[in-house]
């Protein structure tokens, strides 16, 4: 039955992104407001949300806690968006929750003010309901888009976190870092401590907006320790930033959950944390879902030109793909190939016909199945939806 449940959830994609909390508040109220019965951490930011959630979850599991995670989008299977201690929601559990929620949504569709509940709003409700059913010790909730009007912004968490601020989704969030920061700062709650990323990913003009909102809400504001390096299985300097943020979150949670700050548990959790398609090495390829300009900027800093780099890139048309390609072309000693993949509104050959010094490839599988030179690096990057398809192909292949 789970395929039918997932198909129904996906059928709500046609309603797009609809900022506002009236629909989710009504739906959750009908469900008995499960979000109010949970201890939570709320994580917003342009990039780094999923990795930060993964680090925090891995550390807290070292303490024996039952930790729920709500993340998006999925890389391997739909169910991974809602998980407990790394175990995805089962098909059976998903069916059971959908059976409760679907009639309420269909009833809401008959009311003009509440009609057209979106896919993400339904997912949010499923997550809160499931976590309450399963009596998790803590739920780590990743914002879907922005913060202020995101459907997850119905909780009063123990800790709020804002990872990075960069230009993305400007059509919804605004054209400047300050405007985007204002949206992200919407998750700050009165008196609730907020952790913000290091300056490398959160520029001063964005920080000033967040700090002003924190002051207005009397919310203590914290930043991770500078320059500390951790032993991680997740590669890339940006993961060091995410790990530092996660450690600060755990330190703040420790006092509220009556946990001792145990450096051994923290180190073990950080080392065990895994998040697919983030500088992940798989069958000779580096996969990194750098799906917006800030992420591409962080990615290119990882390559210094000492080895030739063969890059395969694809993105959605709504992204700033021209600028993303331009940045990738600045990687020294690199050859850039651009492709398309099976998803609505992906870039095509005509979209990049005017860009010099790139190779167009109609079928990305040609790149993946070609022989590799052991003295060169092979990087596949761009849309997370693209990463999902490439990753599944690589895992299923016999190569």
Protein backbone atom coordinates (compact mmCIF):
# COMPACT_ATOMS: atom_id res chain seq x y z
CA UNK A 1 0.00 0.00 0.00
CA UNK A 2 2.89 2.40 0.65
CA UNK A 3 3.25 3.15 -3.06
CA UNK A 4 -0.35 4.37 -3.02
CA UNK A 5 0.41 6.49 0.05
CA UNK A 6 3.48 8.01 -1.57
CA UNK A 7 1.60 8.60 -4.83
CA UNK A 8 -1.11 10.45 -2.92
CA UNK A 9 1.47 12.59 -1.10
CA UNK A 10 3.20 13.34 -4.41
CA UNK A 11 -0.15 14.25 -5.98
CA UNK A 12 -0.13 17.34 -3.75
CA UNK A 13 3.02 18.63 -5.49
CA UNK A 14 0.73 20.39 -7.97
CA UNK A 15 -0.12 22.90 -5.23
CA UNK A 16 3.51 24.01 -5.15
CA UNK A 17 5.01 26.01 -2.29
CA UNK A 18 2.47 28.04 -0.35
CA UNK A 19 4.06 29.92 2.55
CA UNK A 20 1.76 30.33 5.52
CA UNK A 21 0.79 28.39 8.61
CA UNK A 22 -3.04 28.32 8.54
CA UNK A 23 -3.33 24.93 6.79
CA UNK A 24 -0.68 23.12 8.83
CA UNK A 25 -1.99 24.58 12.10
CA UNK A 26 -5.51 23.38 11.30
CA UNK A 27 -4.30 19.91 10.28
CA UNK A 28 -2.12 19.52 13.37
CA UNK A 29 -4.95 20.74 15.59
CA UNK A 30 -7.18 17.98 14.18
CA UNK A 31 -4.38 15.51 15.00
CA UNK A 32 -4.21 16.66 18.61
CA UNK A 33 -1.19 18.95 18.10
CA UNK A 34 1.50 16.23 18.29
CA UNK A 35 4.23 18.84 17.77
CA UNK A 36 3.48 20.29 21.20
CA UNK A 37 4.16 16.94 22.86
CA UNK A 38 7.68 16.65 21.43
CA UNK A 39 11.06 17.99 22.46
CA UNK A 40 12.55 19.44 19.30
CA UNK A 41 15.48 21.23 17.67
CA UNK A 42 14.67 23.46 14.67
CA UNK A 43 17.30 23.89 11.95
CA UNK A 44 17.13 26.50 9.16
CA UNK A 45 19.72 27.73 6.65
CA UNK A 46 20.55 27.91 2.96
CA UNK A 47 22.89 24.91 3.08
CA UNK A 48 24.13 22.47 5.71
CA UNK A 49 20.81 21.72 7.40
CA UNK A 50 20.76 18.00 6.66
CA UNK A 51 24.40 17.45 7.57
CA UNK A 52 24.00 19.37 10.83
CA UNK A 53 20.92 17.33 11.74
CA UNK A 54 22.85 14.15 10.94
CA UNK A 55 25.76 15.14 13.20
CA UNK A 56 23.48 16.07 16.11
CA UNK A 57 21.49 12.84 15.74
CA UNK A 58 24.65 10.71 15.63
CA UNK A 59 26.01 12.34 18.79
CA UNK A 60 22.74 12.04 20.73
CA UNK A 61 22.45 8.37 19.76
CA UNK A 62 25.76 7.85 21.58
CA UNK A 63 23.84 8.85 24.72
CA UNK A 64 21.24 6.16 24.03
CA UNK A 65 18.53 8.61 23.03
CA UNK A 66 15.74 7.84 20.57
CA UNK A 67 16.15 10.61 17.99
CA UNK A 68 13.72 11.47 15.20
CA UNK A 69 14.95 13.31 12.08
CA UNK A 70 12.83 15.19 9.57
CA UNK A 71 14.84 16.12 6.47
CA UNK A 72 14.42 16.84 2.77
CA UNK A 73 14.76 16.07 -0.05
CA UNK A 74 15.45 12.35 -0.08
CA UNK A 75 18.51 10.85 -1.81
CA UNK A 76 17.85 7.10 -1.68
CA UNK A 77 14.19 6.45 -0.79
CA UNK A 78 11.21 8.64 0.04
CA UNK A 79 10.92 7.18 3.55
CA UNK A 80 14.32 8.56 4.63
CA UNK A 81 12.77 12.00 5.12
CA UNK A 82 11.24 10.73 8.37
CA UNK A 83 13.53 8.50 10.43
CA UNK A 84 14.27 7.41 14.00
CA UNK A 85 17.88 6.59 14.91
CA UNK A 86 18.62 6.25 11.22
CA UNK A 87 15.78 3.80 10.54
CA UNK A 88 13.43 5.20 7.91
CA UNK A 89 9.70 5.19 8.54
CA UNK A 90 8.45 1.79 7.36
CA UNK A 91 5.98 1.41 4.52
CA UNK A 92 3.45 0.01 7.00
CA UNK A 93 3.84 2.91 9.43
CA UNK A 94 3.57 5.41 6.57
CA UNK A 95 0.36 3.77 5.40
CA UNK A 96 -1.09 3.91 8.91
CA UNK A 97 -0.32 7.61 9.36
CA UNK A 98 -1.57 8.52 5.87
CA UNK A 99 -4.82 6.66 6.65
CA UNK A 100 -5.33 9.08 9.55
CA UNK A 101 -4.23 12.26 7.77
CA UNK A 102 -5.68 11.81 4.26
CA UNK A 103 -9.39 12.13 5.29
CA UNK A 104 -8.57 15.31 7.19
CA UNK A 105 -6.80 16.81 4.17
CA UNK A 106 -9.66 15.87 1.84
CA UNK A 107 -12.07 17.49 4.28
CA UNK A 108 -9.91 20.63 4.29
CA UNK A 109 -10.09 20.71 0.49
CA UNK A 110 -13.80 21.49 0.80
CA UNK A 111 -12.98 24.72 2.66
CA UNK A 112 -11.72 27.58 0.47
CA UNK A 113 -9.51 28.96 3.24
CA UNK A 114 -7.88 25.59 4.00
CA UNK A 115 -7.90 23.89 0.58
CA UNK A 116 -4.89 22.64 -1.35
CA UNK A 117 -2.64 21.47 1.47
CA UNK A 118 0.81 21.01 -0.05
CA UNK A 119 3.02 17.94 -0.15
CA UNK A 120 5.46 19.43 2.35
CA UNK A 121 2.70 20.41 4.76
CA UNK A 122 1.42 16.84 4.71
CA UNK A 123 4.93 15.48 5.24
CA UNK A 124 5.40 17.83 8.18
CA UNK A 125 2.20 16.56 9.79
CA UNK A 126 3.21 12.94 9.15
CA UNK A 127 6.58 13.56 10.80
CA UNK A 128 5.18 15.17 13.95
CA UNK A 129 2.42 12.56 14.30
CA UNK A 130 4.80 9.62 13.79
CA UNK A 131 7.43 10.97 16.19
CA UNK A 132 4.79 11.45 18.88
CA UNK A 133 3.42 7.95 18.28
CA UNK A 134 6.93 6.51 18.61
CA UNK A 135 7.69 8.56 21.74
CA UNK A 136 11.05 9.88 20.54
CA UNK A 137 13.27 11.56 23.12
CA UNK A 138 14.01 14.39 20.70
CA UNK A 139 12.99 15.31 17.14
CA UNK A 140 15.39 17.22 14.89
CA UNK A 141 13.31 19.23 12.43
CA UNK A 142 14.80 20.64 9.24
CA UNK A 143 13.07 23.67 7.71
CA UNK A 144 11.76 23.08 4.20
CA UNK A 145 12.06 26.61 2.78
CA UNK A 146 12.91 29.85 4.53
CA UNK A 147 11.69 29.68 8.10
CA UNK A 148 9.11 32.30 9.10
CA UNK A 149 6.26 30.88 7.00
CA UNK A 150 7.58 27.33 6.65
CA UNK A 151 5.16 24.65 7.80
CA UNK A 152 7.68 23.36 10.36
CA UNK A 153 7.56 26.73 12.16
CA UNK A 154 4.83 25.60 14.54
CA UNK A 155 7.16 24.33 17.25
CA UNK A 156 8.83 25.89 20.27
CA UNK A 157 12.14 24.01 20.22
CA UNK A 158 14.75 23.56 22.93
CA UNK A 159 17.32 25.04 20.53
CA UNK A 160 17.04 26.81 17.16
CA UNK A 161 19.88 26.79 14.64
CA UNK A 162 20.65 28.73 11.45
CA UNK A 163 23.48 27.11 9.51
CA UNK A 164 24.33 29.37 6.57
CA UNK A 165 22.80 32.28 4.67
CA UNK A 166 23.21 32.59 0.90
CA UNK A 167 21.23 33.61 -2.15
CA UNK A 168 18.70 30.90 -3.01
CA UNK A 169 14.96 30.82 -3.67
CA UNK A 170 15.04 34.59 -4.17
CA UNK A 171 11.62 34.48 -5.84
CA UNK A 172 10.13 33.54 -2.45
CA UNK A 173 12.63 34.66 0.20
CA UNK A 174 13.97 37.95 -1.21
CA UNK A 175 16.86 39.26 -3.31
CA UNK A 176 19.36 40.20 -0.60
CA UNK A 177 21.16 38.34 2.18
CA UNK A 178 19.41 40.56 4.72
CA UNK A 179 15.96 39.71 3.36
CA UNK A 180 16.75 35.99 3.32
CA UNK A 181 18.21 36.19 6.83
CA UNK A 182 14.98 37.83 8.01
CA UNK A 183 12.99 34.85 6.72
CA UNK A 184 15.36 32.32 8.34
CA UNK A 185 15.34 34.31 11.61
CA UNK A 186 11.59 33.71 11.73
CA UNK A 187 12.28 30.40 13.50
CA UNK A 188 13.72 32.21 16.54
CA UNK A 189 11.39 31.87 19.53
CA UNK A 190 11.18 33.94 22.71
CA UNK A 191 13.89 32.91 25.15
CA UNK A 192 15.01 29.90 23.11
CA UNK A 193 18.78 29.77 22.47
CA UNK A 194 19.78 30.06 18.82
CA UNK A 195 23.04 28.80 17.32
CA UNK A 196 24.28 30.40 14.11
CA UNK A 197 27.03 29.28 11.75
CA UNK A 198 30.56 30.60 11.52
CA UNK A 199 31.18 33.76 9.42
CA UNK A 200 32.49 31.73 6.46
CA UNK A 201 28.92 30.63 5.68
CA UNK A 202 26.95 33.36 7.40
CA UNK A 203 28.10 36.86 6.37
CA UNK A 204 27.97 39.82 8.74
CA UNK A 205 24.96 41.53 7.12
CA UNK A 206 22.94 38.34 7.60
CA UNK A 207 24.22 37.84 11.13
CA UNK A 208 23.18 41.37 12.08
CA UNK A 209 19.59 40.67 11.06
CA UNK A 210 19.55 37.39 13.01
CA UNK A 211 21.18 38.97 16.08
CA UNK A 212 18.63 41.80 16.07
CA UNK A 213 15.73 39.33 15.96
CA UNK A 214 17.33 37.24 18.72
CA UNK A 215 17.68 40.35 20.87
CA UNK A 216 14.05 41.33 20.20
CA UNK A 217 12.94 37.85 21.31
CA UNK A 218 15.39 37.72 24.27
CA UNK A 219 16.86 34.59 22.70
CA UNK A 220 20.51 33.93 23.68
CA UNK A 221 22.68 33.68 20.56
CA UNK A 222 25.72 31.42 20.19
CA UNK A 223 28.38 30.70 17.57
CA UNK A 224 30.57 27.58 17.33
CA UNK A 225 34.20 27.58 18.38
CA UNK A 226 36.44 28.91 15.62
CA UNK A 227 39.11 26.87 13.81
CA UNK A 228 38.54 23.59 15.64
CA UNK A 229 38.92 20.57 13.33
CA UNK A 230 37.08 17.29 13.92
CA UNK A 231 37.74 13.74 12.78
CA UNK A 232 34.88 13.16 10.34
CA UNK A 233 33.84 10.54 7.83
CA UNK A 234 32.07 13.31 5.90
CA UNK A 235 34.66 15.10 3.76
CA UNK A 236 34.93 18.78 2.84
CA UNK A 237 35.80 21.83 4.90
CA UNK A 238 32.15 22.87 4.96
CA UNK A 239 31.39 19.72 6.93
CA UNK A 240 33.78 20.96 9.61
CA UNK A 241 31.56 24.04 9.89
CA UNK A 242 28.44 21.88 10.16
CA UNK A 243 30.10 19.65 12.77
CA UNK A 244 31.09 22.66 14.88
CA UNK A 245 27.51 23.93 14.76
CA UNK A 246 26.22 20.48 15.77
CA UNK A 247 28.59 20.32 18.75
CA UNK A 248 27.36 23.69 20.01
CA UNK A 249 23.73 22.52 19.64
CA UNK A 250 24.52 19.39 21.67
CA UNK A 251 26.25 21.46 24.36
CA UNK A 252 23.11 23.60 24.70
CA UNK A 253 20.84 20.56 24.71
CA UNK A 254 22.91 18.83 27.39
CA UNK A 255 21.74 21.17 30.13
CA UNK A 256 18.10 20.82 29.09
CA UNK A 257 18.16 17.03 28.71
CA UNK A 258 20.26 16.42 31.83
CA UNK A 259 23.21 15.03 29.83
CA UNK A 260 26.88 15.42 30.63
CA UNK A 261 28.97 16.99 27.85
CA UNK A 262 31.04 13.93 26.98
CA UNK A 263 33.82 14.64 24.46
CA UNK A 264 34.27 10.91 23.76
CA UNK A 265 30.61 10.51 22.82
CA UNK A 266 30.74 13.69 20.73
CA UNK A 267 33.85 12.53 18.85
CA UNK A 268 32.41 9.05 18.22
CA UNK A 269 29.09 10.45 17.00
CA UNK A 270 30.79 12.92 14.63
CA UNK A 271 32.96 10.15 13.18
CA UNK A 272 30.01 7.80 12.63
CA UNK A 273 27.77 10.40 10.98
CA UNK A 274 27.00 9.76 7.31
CA UNK A 275 24.98 11.87 4.87
CA UNK A 276 24.81 10.69 1.24
CA UNK A 277 25.94 12.83 -1.71
CA UNK A 278 27.92 15.29 0.39
CA UNK A 279 31.51 14.92 -0.83
CA UNK A 280 30.74 11.20 -0.85
CA UNK A 281 33.18 8.88 -2.64
CA UNK A 282 31.34 6.11 -4.46
CA UNK A 283 32.89 3.74 -7.01
CA UNK A 284 35.60 6.21 -8.01
CA UNK A 285 33.33 9.27 -8.17
CA UNK A 286 32.91 12.15 -5.75
CA UNK A 287 29.21 12.98 -5.40
CA UNK A 288 28.27 16.36 -3.97
CA UNK A 289 24.79 17.85 -4.11
CA UNK A 290 25.90 21.46 -4.55
CA UNK A 291 22.51 22.65 -5.73
CA UNK A 292 22.82 26.43 -5.37
CA UNK A 293 25.43 29.17 -5.71
CA UNK A 294 26.61 29.19 -2.08
CA UNK A 295 27.09 25.42 -2.17
CA UNK A 296 29.02 25.60 -5.47
CA UNK A 297 31.30 28.25 -3.97
CA UNK A 298 32.06 26.00 -1.02
CA UNK A 299 32.61 23.03 -3.34
CA UNK A 300 35.13 24.67 -5.66
CA UNK A 301 37.26 25.64 -2.65
CA UNK A 302 37.96 21.90 -2.22
CA UNK A 303 39.94 21.67 -5.49
CA UNK A 304 43.35 23.27 -5.95
CA UNK A 305 44.26 22.00 -9.42
CA UNK A 306 46.95 19.54 -8.36
CA UNK A 307 44.96 16.75 -10.05
CA UNK A 308 42.89 17.03 -13.24
CA UNK A 309 39.18 17.13 -12.40
CA UNK A 310 36.47 15.74 -14.68
CA UNK A 311 33.17 17.34 -13.66
CA UNK A 312 29.63 16.27 -14.56
CA UNK A 313 26.95 18.81 -13.67
CA UNK A 314 23.18 19.12 -14.00
CA UNK A 315 20.57 21.36 -12.43
CA UNK A 316 16.99 22.51 -12.60
CA UNK A 317 16.10 25.44 -14.86
CA UNK A 318 14.89 27.51 -11.90
CA UNK A 319 18.37 27.53 -10.41
CA UNK A 320 21.08 30.06 -11.33
CA UNK A 321 22.69 27.41 -13.45
CA UNK A 322 24.57 29.84 -15.72
CA UNK A 323 26.39 31.28 -12.72
CA UNK A 324 26.90 27.83 -11.22
CA UNK A 325 28.53 26.63 -14.43
CA UNK A 326 30.66 29.78 -14.52
CA UNK A 327 31.94 29.05 -11.02
CA UNK A 328 32.69 25.40 -11.81
CA UNK A 329 34.73 26.56 -14.82
CA UNK A 330 37.05 28.43 -12.43
CA UNK A 331 38.29 25.16 -10.91
CA UNK A 332 41.88 24.87 -12.19
CA UNK A 333 42.82 21.89 -14.35
CA UNK A 334 39.16 20.91 -14.81
CA UNK A 335 37.04 19.68 -17.70
CA UNK A 336 33.32 20.44 -17.37
CA UNK A 337 30.55 18.30 -18.85
CA UNK A 338 26.92 19.38 -18.51
CA UNK A 339 23.98 17.02 -18.84
CA UNK A 340 20.27 16.54 -18.18
CA UNK A 341 18.31 13.96 -16.20
CA UNK A 342 14.81 12.63 -15.78
CA UNK A 343 12.98 15.25 -13.71
CA UNK A 344 10.60 18.12 -14.51
CA UNK A 345 12.21 21.37 -15.73
CA UNK A 346 15.81 20.20 -15.89
CA UNK A 347 18.29 22.07 -18.07
CA UNK A 348 18.58 20.97 -21.70
CA UNK A 349 21.11 21.43 -24.50
CA UNK A 350 19.47 24.67 -25.66
CA UNK A 351 19.82 26.18 -22.18
CA UNK A 352 23.62 25.98 -22.28
CA UNK A 353 24.25 26.36 -26.01
CA UNK A 354 25.72 29.84 -25.48
CA UNK A 355 28.24 28.75 -22.82
CA UNK A 356 31.81 28.25 -24.03
CA UNK A 357 34.30 25.62 -22.90
CA UNK A 358 31.84 22.99 -21.79
CA UNK A 359 30.82 19.62 -23.22
CA UNK A 360 27.14 18.72 -23.51
CA UNK A 361 26.22 15.09 -22.78
CA UNK A 362 22.69 13.93 -23.51
CA UNK A 363 22.91 10.77 -21.37
CA UNK A 364 24.79 11.15 -18.07
CA UNK A 365 25.25 7.39 -17.85
CA UNK A 366 27.88 7.66 -20.58
CA UNK A 367 30.07 9.66 -18.19
CA UNK A 368 29.49 7.22 -15.34
CA UNK A 369 30.25 4.08 -17.34
CA UNK A 370 33.33 5.39 -19.22
CA UNK A 371 36.78 4.11 -18.17
CA UNK A 372 38.50 6.23 -15.51
CA UNK A 373 42.07 7.51 -15.37
CA UNK A 374 43.40 6.67 -11.87
CA UNK A 375 45.46 9.89 -11.88
CA UNK A 376 42.38 12.08 -12.28
CA UNK A 377 39.43 13.08 -10.09
CA UNK A 378 35.82 12.52 -11.17
CA UNK A 379 33.24 14.85 -9.61
CA UNK A 380 29.47 14.68 -10.12
CA UNK A 381 27.54 17.63 -8.74
CA UNK A 382 24.43 19.79 -9.00
CA UNK A 383 20.81 19.06 -8.17
CA UNK A 384 20.10 16.72 -5.27
CA UNK A 385 17.49 15.04 -7.47
CA UNK A 386 20.28 14.38 -9.99
CA UNK A 387 22.50 13.01 -7.20
CA UNK A 388 19.70 10.65 -6.20
CA UNK A 389 19.49 9.14 -9.68
CA UNK A 390 23.25 8.89 -10.19
CA UNK A 391 23.75 7.36 -6.75
CA UNK A 392 21.08 4.71 -7.33
CA UNK A 393 22.65 3.83 -10.71
CA UNK A 394 26.14 3.50 -9.21
CA UNK A 395 24.92 1.33 -6.33
CA UNK A 396 22.92 -0.92 -8.65
CA UNK A 397 25.68 -1.27 -11.24
CA UNK A 398 28.21 -4.09 -11.11
CA UNK A 399 31.12 -1.76 -11.75
